[in-house]
Protein backbone atom coordinates (compact mmCIF):
# COMPACT_ATOMS: atom_id res chain seq x y z
CA ASN A 1 -0.02 -0.01 0.00
CA THR A 2 1.42 3.34 -1.00
CA TYR A 3 0.53 6.55 0.80
CA GLY A 4 2.49 9.24 -1.01
CA ASP A 5 1.66 12.66 0.44
CA ARG A 6 -1.24 11.07 2.39
CA TRP A 7 1.42 10.35 5.06
CA TYR A 8 1.23 14.06 5.91
CA ASP A 9 -2.28 14.95 4.71
CA ALA A 10 -4.70 12.09 5.37
CA ASP A 11 -7.28 12.36 8.16
CA ASP A 12 -9.31 9.33 7.11
CA ASP A 13 -6.60 6.66 7.28
CA PRO A 14 -4.54 4.78 9.87
CA VAL A 15 -1.54 6.84 8.81
CA ALA A 16 -3.23 9.79 10.53
CA LEU A 17 -3.04 7.83 13.78
CA LEU A 18 0.68 7.25 13.25
CA ARG A 19 1.23 10.95 12.61
CA ALA A 20 -0.66 11.93 15.76
CA GLU A 21 1.16 9.28 17.79
CA SER A 22 4.48 10.56 16.52
CA LYS A 23 3.63 14.12 17.63
CA THR A 24 3.04 12.73 21.13
CA LYS A 25 6.16 10.53 21.28
CA THR A 26 8.70 12.83 19.67
CA PRO A 27 9.08 15.35 22.58
CA TRP A 28 9.59 12.42 24.97
CA ILE A 29 12.27 10.93 22.64
CA ILE A 30 14.08 14.31 22.39
CA ASP A 31 13.95 14.57 26.20
CA ARG A 32 15.55 11.09 26.58
CA ILE A 33 18.28 12.00 24.12
CA GLN A 34 18.98 15.22 26.05
CA LYS A 35 18.99 13.43 29.44
CA HIS A 36 21.70 11.10 28.05
CA GLY A 37 23.81 14.11 27.09
CA LEU A 38 23.37 13.44 23.37
CA LEU A 39 21.38 16.45 22.20
CA ASN A 40 24.15 18.03 20.14
CA ASN A 41 25.27 18.42 16.54
CA THR A 42 27.76 15.53 16.66
CA THR A 43 25.23 12.90 17.75
CA GLN A 44 24.71 10.25 15.09
CA ILE A 45 21.16 8.82 15.05
CA LEU A 46 19.79 5.88 13.06
CA ASP A 47 16.00 5.77 12.68
CA VAL A 48 15.11 2.23 11.50
CA GLY A 49 11.76 1.78 9.75
CA CYS A 50 11.53 5.55 9.44
CA GLY A 51 8.57 5.49 7.03
CA ALA A 52 7.77 9.02 5.86
CA GLY A 53 10.25 10.58 8.30
CA PHE A 54 7.99 11.88 11.08
CA LEU A 55 10.67 11.28 13.75
CA SER A 56 13.79 11.63 11.58
CA ASN A 57 12.78 15.06 10.35
CA GLU A 58 11.97 16.33 13.84
CA LEU A 59 15.29 15.02 15.22
CA ALA A 60 17.14 16.81 12.39
CA LYS A 61 15.48 20.07 13.45
CA GLN A 62 17.24 19.59 16.80
CA GLY A 63 20.59 19.72 14.99
CA LEU A 64 21.24 15.99 15.26
CA GLN A 65 22.95 13.98 12.48
CA VAL A 66 20.13 11.66 11.36
CA THR A 67 20.09 8.69 9.03
CA GLY A 68 16.66 7.21 8.23
CA VAL A 69 16.31 3.74 6.75
CA ASP A 70 13.33 1.86 5.43
CA LEU A 71 12.53 -0.79 2.82
CA SER A 72 9.98 1.50 1.10
CA GLU A 73 11.67 3.74 -1.43
CA GLU A 74 8.36 5.58 -1.91
CA SER A 75 8.14 6.39 1.82
CA LEU A 76 11.76 7.58 1.80
CA LYS A 77 11.00 9.96 -1.07
CA VAL A 78 8.10 11.42 0.94
CA ALA A 79 10.37 11.67 4.00
CA ALA A 80 13.06 13.55 2.05
CA LYS A 81 10.46 15.88 0.57
CA HIS A 82 9.36 16.88 4.10
CA ASP A 83 12.90 17.24 5.48
CA HIS A 84 13.01 21.02 5.80
CA THR A 85 16.59 20.88 7.14
CA GLU A 86 17.67 18.95 4.02
CA SER A 87 20.13 17.19 6.28
CA VAL A 88 18.65 13.72 6.87
CA LYS A 89 20.38 10.93 5.01
CA TYR A 90 17.60 8.70 3.78
CA GLN A 91 18.42 5.29 2.30
CA THR A 92 16.88 1.91 1.61
CA ALA A 93 18.11 -0.72 4.02
CA ASP A 94 17.13 -4.11 5.47
CA ALA A 95 17.10 -4.08 9.28
CA TYR A 96 18.52 -7.62 9.33
CA ARG A 97 21.65 -6.45 7.45
CA LEU A 98 22.23 -2.72 8.06
CA PRO A 99 24.82 -1.23 5.71
CA PHE A 100 26.82 0.49 8.45
CA ALA A 101 30.04 -0.28 10.30
CA ASP A 102 30.02 -1.61 13.87
CA ALA A 103 29.50 1.03 16.59
CA THR A 104 28.50 3.83 14.20
CA PHE A 105 25.50 5.38 15.98
CA ASP A 106 25.02 7.07 19.36
CA VAL A 107 21.23 6.61 19.25
CA LEU A 108 19.08 4.08 17.39
CA THR A 109 15.29 4.45 17.18
CA ALA A 110 12.70 1.96 15.96
CA MET A 111 9.17 3.32 16.26
CA ASP A 112 6.25 1.02 15.57
CA PHE A 113 8.66 -1.32 13.78
CA LEU A 114 9.50 -4.46 15.78
CA GLU A 115 5.93 -5.81 15.52
CA HIS A 116 6.38 -5.98 11.76
CA VAL A 117 9.50 -8.22 11.66
CA GLU A 118 9.45 -12.01 11.78
CA HIS A 119 12.55 -12.32 13.98
CA PRO A 120 12.82 -9.31 16.30
CA ASP A 121 15.69 -10.96 18.21
CA GLN A 122 17.83 -11.00 15.04
CA VAL A 123 16.97 -7.40 14.26
CA ILE A 124 17.87 -6.28 17.79
CA LYS A 125 21.17 -8.13 17.52
CA GLU A 126 21.90 -6.16 14.33
CA PHE A 127 20.88 -2.94 16.11
CA SER A 128 23.39 -3.66 18.89
CA ARG A 129 26.11 -4.17 16.27
CA VAL A 130 25.71 -0.67 14.76
CA LEU A 131 25.03 1.04 18.09
CA LYS A 132 28.04 2.39 20.01
CA PRO A 133 28.76 0.88 23.40
CA GLU A 134 26.70 2.82 25.95
CA GLY A 135 24.53 3.95 23.03
CA LEU A 136 20.83 4.68 23.51
CA PHE A 137 18.16 2.42 21.95
CA ILE A 138 14.67 3.87 21.90
CA PHE A 139 11.78 1.78 20.53
CA HIS A 140 8.03 1.58 20.59
CA THR A 141 6.03 -1.51 19.77
CA PHE A 142 2.73 -3.02 20.78
CA ASN A 143 2.56 -6.08 23.01
CA ARG A 144 1.31 -9.23 21.38
CA ASN A 145 -1.58 -9.95 23.72
CA PRO A 146 -5.36 -10.14 23.37
CA LEU A 147 -6.02 -6.59 24.59
CA ALA A 148 -3.51 -5.05 22.15
CA HIS A 149 -4.94 -7.22 19.36
CA LEU A 150 -8.43 -5.93 20.09
CA VAL A 151 -7.52 -2.25 20.52
CA ILE A 152 -4.68 -1.83 18.04
CA ILE A 153 -5.74 -4.20 15.31
CA LYS A 154 -9.48 -4.75 15.44
CA PHE A 155 -10.65 -1.35 16.66
CA VAL A 156 -8.51 0.36 14.02
CA GLU A 157 -9.90 -1.97 11.32
CA TRP A 158 -13.46 -1.36 12.49
CA LEU A 159 -13.35 2.34 13.30
CA VAL A 160 -10.73 4.00 11.07
CA LYS A 161 -11.83 4.62 7.51
CA ASN A 162 -9.65 3.20 4.75
CA THR A 163 -7.87 0.66 6.97
CA ARG A 164 -6.96 -2.38 4.92
CA LYS A 165 -7.61 -5.78 6.37
CA ASN A 166 -4.61 -7.44 8.05
CA LEU A 167 -2.68 -4.19 8.27
CA HIS A 168 -0.73 -5.60 11.22
């Protein structure tokens, strides 16, 4: 499913929920980065599964050095289009085999991503490879339990217009 500019415009689609959720999480993420003494212009951040760049673009506005990776080239094009700093490095990459040297990044983020991979343990192992020792890993994912299934999957399918079946 391609969203194009709907990532930033849609109000009748589950992507609108992601956008709203990102606006809520981003200040908390910036606060965590600051509390770890990493809110400066030398901090290297990798945003895995960056989608249309909601988080990556906001982190770049803080003066951070951001790389956003995703498998969707179309989403990356939208992300780059909305990068008003024109500083985020967007590239296609597979989270199981990230194209970066060991211990490259100070911070690694994975928002609403781990629930989409078949082997999260392997992905997290790869994250730890590219994250510097004492680096900061920030992620958000939904628990796989009946309540989350009902609220996050079924309620969204039932109540949010234009939600495709089996989105998650």
